[in-house]
Protein backbone atom coordinates (compact mmCIF):
# COMPACT_ATOMS: atom_id res chain seq x y z
CA MET A 1 54.18 53.31 -16.86
CA ALA A 2 56.07 54.71 -19.85
CA ASN A 3 54.49 52.07 -22.09
CA SER A 4 50.91 52.80 -21.01
CA LYS A 5 50.37 54.89 -24.16
CA LEU A 6 51.49 52.12 -26.53
CA PHE A 7 48.87 50.43 -28.66
CA MET A 8 48.99 47.39 -30.93
CA GLY A 9 52.65 46.66 -31.49
CA GLY A 10 53.91 50.12 -30.54
CA PHE A 11 51.72 52.21 -32.86
CA LEU A 12 49.47 54.87 -31.46
CA PRO A 13 45.96 54.84 -32.94
CA MET A 14 44.89 57.51 -35.42
CA PRO A 15 43.78 60.28 -33.03
CA GLU A 16 40.75 61.09 -35.15
CA THR A 17 39.35 57.58 -35.61
CA GLY A 18 41.12 55.46 -33.00
CA LEU A 19 42.34 53.10 -35.74
CA ASP A 20 45.81 51.66 -35.92
CA PRO A 21 47.58 53.29 -38.93
CA ARG A 22 47.85 49.93 -40.69
CA GLU A 23 44.10 49.32 -40.35
CA PHE A 24 43.39 52.88 -41.52
CA ALA A 25 45.46 52.28 -44.67
CA ARG A 26 43.72 48.95 -45.33
CA GLN A 27 40.26 50.54 -45.06
CA ASN A 28 41.14 53.45 -47.34
CA ALA A 29 43.21 51.68 -49.98
CA ALA A 30 41.86 51.54 -53.52
CA GLY A 31 43.03 47.94 -53.95
CA PRO A 32 44.23 45.07 -51.82
CA VAL A 33 46.87 45.98 -49.29
CA GLY A 34 49.44 43.52 -48.00
CA ASN A 35 51.43 43.83 -44.84
CA LEU A 36 52.39 47.48 -44.54
CA VAL A 37 54.63 47.05 -41.53
CA ALA A 38 56.80 44.12 -40.61
CA ALA A 39 56.43 43.43 -36.92
CA SER A 40 59.71 43.36 -35.03
CA SER A 41 58.62 41.89 -31.75
CA GLY A 42 61.75 39.79 -31.28
CA GLY A 43 59.77 36.68 -30.32
CA ASN A 44 58.38 35.62 -26.99
CA GLY A 45 61.54 36.34 -25.03
CA SER A 46 60.47 37.46 -21.61
CA GLY A 47 64.08 37.24 -20.54
CA GLY A 48 64.07 39.37 -17.42
CA SER A 49 67.03 41.72 -17.49
CA SER A 50 68.03 41.07 -21.12
CA GLY A 51 65.17 43.29 -22.33
CA GLY A 52 66.64 46.39 -20.68
CA SER A 53 69.78 46.56 -22.79
CA GLY A 54 68.18 47.41 -26.15
CA SER A 55 68.16 50.95 -27.45
CA GLY A 56 67.12 52.43 -24.12
CA ASP A 57 68.85 55.61 -23.11
CA GLY A 58 68.43 55.44 -19.38
CA GLY A 59 68.48 53.08 -16.47
CA ASP A 60 64.83 53.60 -15.56
CA SER A 61 63.38 50.94 -17.86
CA ASP A 62 62.90 48.50 -15.01
CA SER A 63 59.12 48.30 -15.31
CA ASP A 64 57.65 44.86 -15.91
CA SER A 65 55.70 45.95 -18.99
CA ASP A 66 56.39 44.84 -22.59
CA SER A 67 60.17 44.59 -22.82
CA ASP A 68 60.19 44.01 -26.59
CA THR A 69 58.49 47.27 -27.56
CA THR A 70 60.10 50.67 -27.49
CA GLN A 71 58.45 54.04 -27.20
CA THR A 72 59.55 56.67 -29.67
CA VAL A 73 59.14 60.41 -29.52
CA THR A 74 57.37 62.03 -32.46
CA PRO A 75 59.22 65.15 -33.62
CA VAL A 76 57.13 68.31 -33.93
CA LYS A 77 57.96 71.04 -36.44
CA THR A 78 56.33 74.32 -35.46
CA VAL A 79 55.78 76.73 -38.36
CA THR A 80 54.30 80.09 -37.34
CA ALA A 81 54.67 82.08 -40.57
CA PRO A 82 54.79 79.74 -43.58
CA GLY A 83 53.81 82.37 -46.15
CA ALA A 84 51.87 81.24 -49.24
CA SER A 85 53.12 77.61 -49.46
CA LEU A 86 54.58 74.90 -47.28
CA ASP A 87 56.00 71.50 -48.28
CA MET A 88 55.65 69.07 -45.41
CA THR A 89 58.02 66.09 -45.52
CA PHE A 90 57.21 62.63 -44.17
CA ALA A 91 59.91 61.17 -41.96
CA SER A 92 61.86 58.41 -43.69
CA ASN A 93 60.91 56.13 -40.81
CA GLY A 94 58.15 56.76 -38.28
CA ASP A 95 56.01 59.76 -37.48
CA ILE A 96 56.30 63.53 -37.62
CA THR A 97 53.92 66.33 -36.63
CA TYR A 98 53.62 69.76 -38.23
CA ASP A 99 52.06 72.46 -36.03
CA VAL A 100 51.22 75.24 -38.50
CA THR A 101 49.80 78.72 -37.89
CA PRO A 102 49.16 80.44 -41.24
CA ASN A 103 49.92 84.11 -41.76
CA ALA A 104 48.39 84.26 -45.27
CA ALA A 105 46.34 82.04 -47.58
CA LEU A 106 48.31 78.80 -47.58
CA THR A 107 48.82 75.92 -50.03
CA LEU A 108 50.20 72.70 -48.52
CA SER A 109 52.06 69.86 -50.24
CA LEU A 110 53.48 66.53 -49.07
CA SER A 111 56.65 64.65 -49.99
CA GLY A 112 59.16 62.21 -48.54
CA GLY A 113 58.81 58.93 -46.73
CA ALA A 114 60.44 55.68 -47.77
CA ALA A 115 59.06 52.85 -49.88
CA GLY A 116 58.24 49.83 -47.75
CA THR A 117 58.04 51.81 -44.50
CA LEU A 118 54.82 53.16 -43.01
CA SER A 119 55.17 56.88 -42.21
CA ARG A 120 52.56 59.08 -40.56
CA LEU A 121 52.41 62.86 -40.66
CA THR A 122 50.01 64.67 -38.36
CA LEU A 123 49.04 68.20 -39.35
CA ILE A 124 47.80 70.61 -36.69
CA LEU A 125 46.44 73.78 -38.31
CA ARG A 126 45.86 76.66 -35.89
CA GLN A 127 44.12 79.78 -37.13
CA PRO A 128 45.62 82.85 -35.45
CA SER A 129 43.51 85.18 -33.31
CA SER A 130 42.81 87.26 -36.43
CA GLY A 131 41.70 84.14 -38.34
CA GLY A 132 40.46 84.15 -41.91
CA PHE A 133 43.32 82.38 -43.72
CA ALA A 134 42.20 79.79 -46.29
CA VAL A 135 44.28 76.60 -46.42
CA ALA A 136 44.47 74.40 -49.55
CA LEU A 137 45.16 70.84 -48.43
CA PRO A 138 47.59 68.57 -50.30
CA THR A 139 46.52 65.92 -52.78
CA ALA A 140 45.72 62.65 -51.01
CA ARG A 141 43.16 59.87 -50.83
CA TYR A 142 40.88 61.24 -48.15
CA GLN A 143 38.31 59.33 -46.15
CA GLY A 144 35.00 59.50 -47.98
CA GLY A 145 36.74 60.85 -51.09
CA GLU A 146 36.52 64.51 -50.03
CA LYS A 147 39.08 66.83 -48.48
CA PRO A 148 38.29 67.80 -44.89
CA VAL A 149 37.00 71.28 -44.19
CA VAL A 150 39.58 73.59 -42.63
CA SER A 151 37.97 76.25 -40.49
CA THR A 152 39.02 79.86 -41.09
CA SER A 153 37.46 81.10 -37.83
CA ALA A 154 39.77 82.88 -35.42
CA GLY A 155 41.45 80.62 -32.88
CA THR A 156 40.19 77.31 -34.32
CA THR A 157 42.30 74.18 -34.71
CA THR A 158 42.00 71.46 -37.37
CA VAL A 159 43.90 68.15 -37.08
CA ILE A 160 44.48 65.89 -40.10
CA SER A 161 46.64 62.75 -40.34
CA TYR A 162 48.40 61.49 -43.45
CA LEU A 163 49.92 58.05 -44.13
CA THR A 164 52.23 56.71 -46.83
CA ASP A 165 54.10 53.45 -47.23
CA ASP A 166 55.51 54.00 -50.71
CA GLY A 167 57.53 57.20 -50.50
CA SER A 168 54.56 59.57 -51.08
CA LYS A 169 53.38 57.92 -54.29
CA THR A 170 50.13 57.10 -52.47
CA ILE A 171 49.05 59.27 -49.54
CA TYR A 172 46.00 58.61 -47.36
CA GLY A 173 44.44 61.43 -45.36
CA GLY A 174 41.82 61.53 -42.65
CA VAL A 175 40.48 63.59 -39.79
C-alpha cells in the first residue's frame, strides 16, 4: 500500500487546507492561472509488468495500485540554531520541508524554484522549551492577505506551506 498516501495525480494535499497545491494556487492567485503542472500520467497503459520497470529502486513494487504514478520522498532540512536570519530555498523540482527551531529572533526569506515547475516548501517552526523567539515571515501572498501568526509560546509548533511556479517571483503562503 505504498501508494495509499497519493492524492490527485501524485500530489499530497496542502496539510493545512486539504487542497491540492494546484487548486491552492488557483484560489490565491491575483489573476487568471493556467495549468501550473503538466500531468505526466503516461496514458491509460495498464500494462501489467511493464509498469514496474520505471524509476523504481526495488523489486517490491508488485502491488496492483496505480502503476503510472510514483511516490517521492520530500527532503527535510532540520535547522536547530539559525541565528538572526535564514534563507529557505525551494527545490528546483518538487517539495522540500524546513524544520526550524529558532535560537534568537528570526527573519525568514525564500528563494529558488524553477520557472514552469510547481514547487512547495513546508515550514515547521518549533519554539524551544524556553520559547519567546519572534519570527518574521517571508514576503508572500498569504491566504486572506495577512501573514499567519507565529506563536512565541514555549514548545509550540506552527506549520506554513509556500508554493511557487515561477522561480520565486510569486510566492503563495498559507496555514
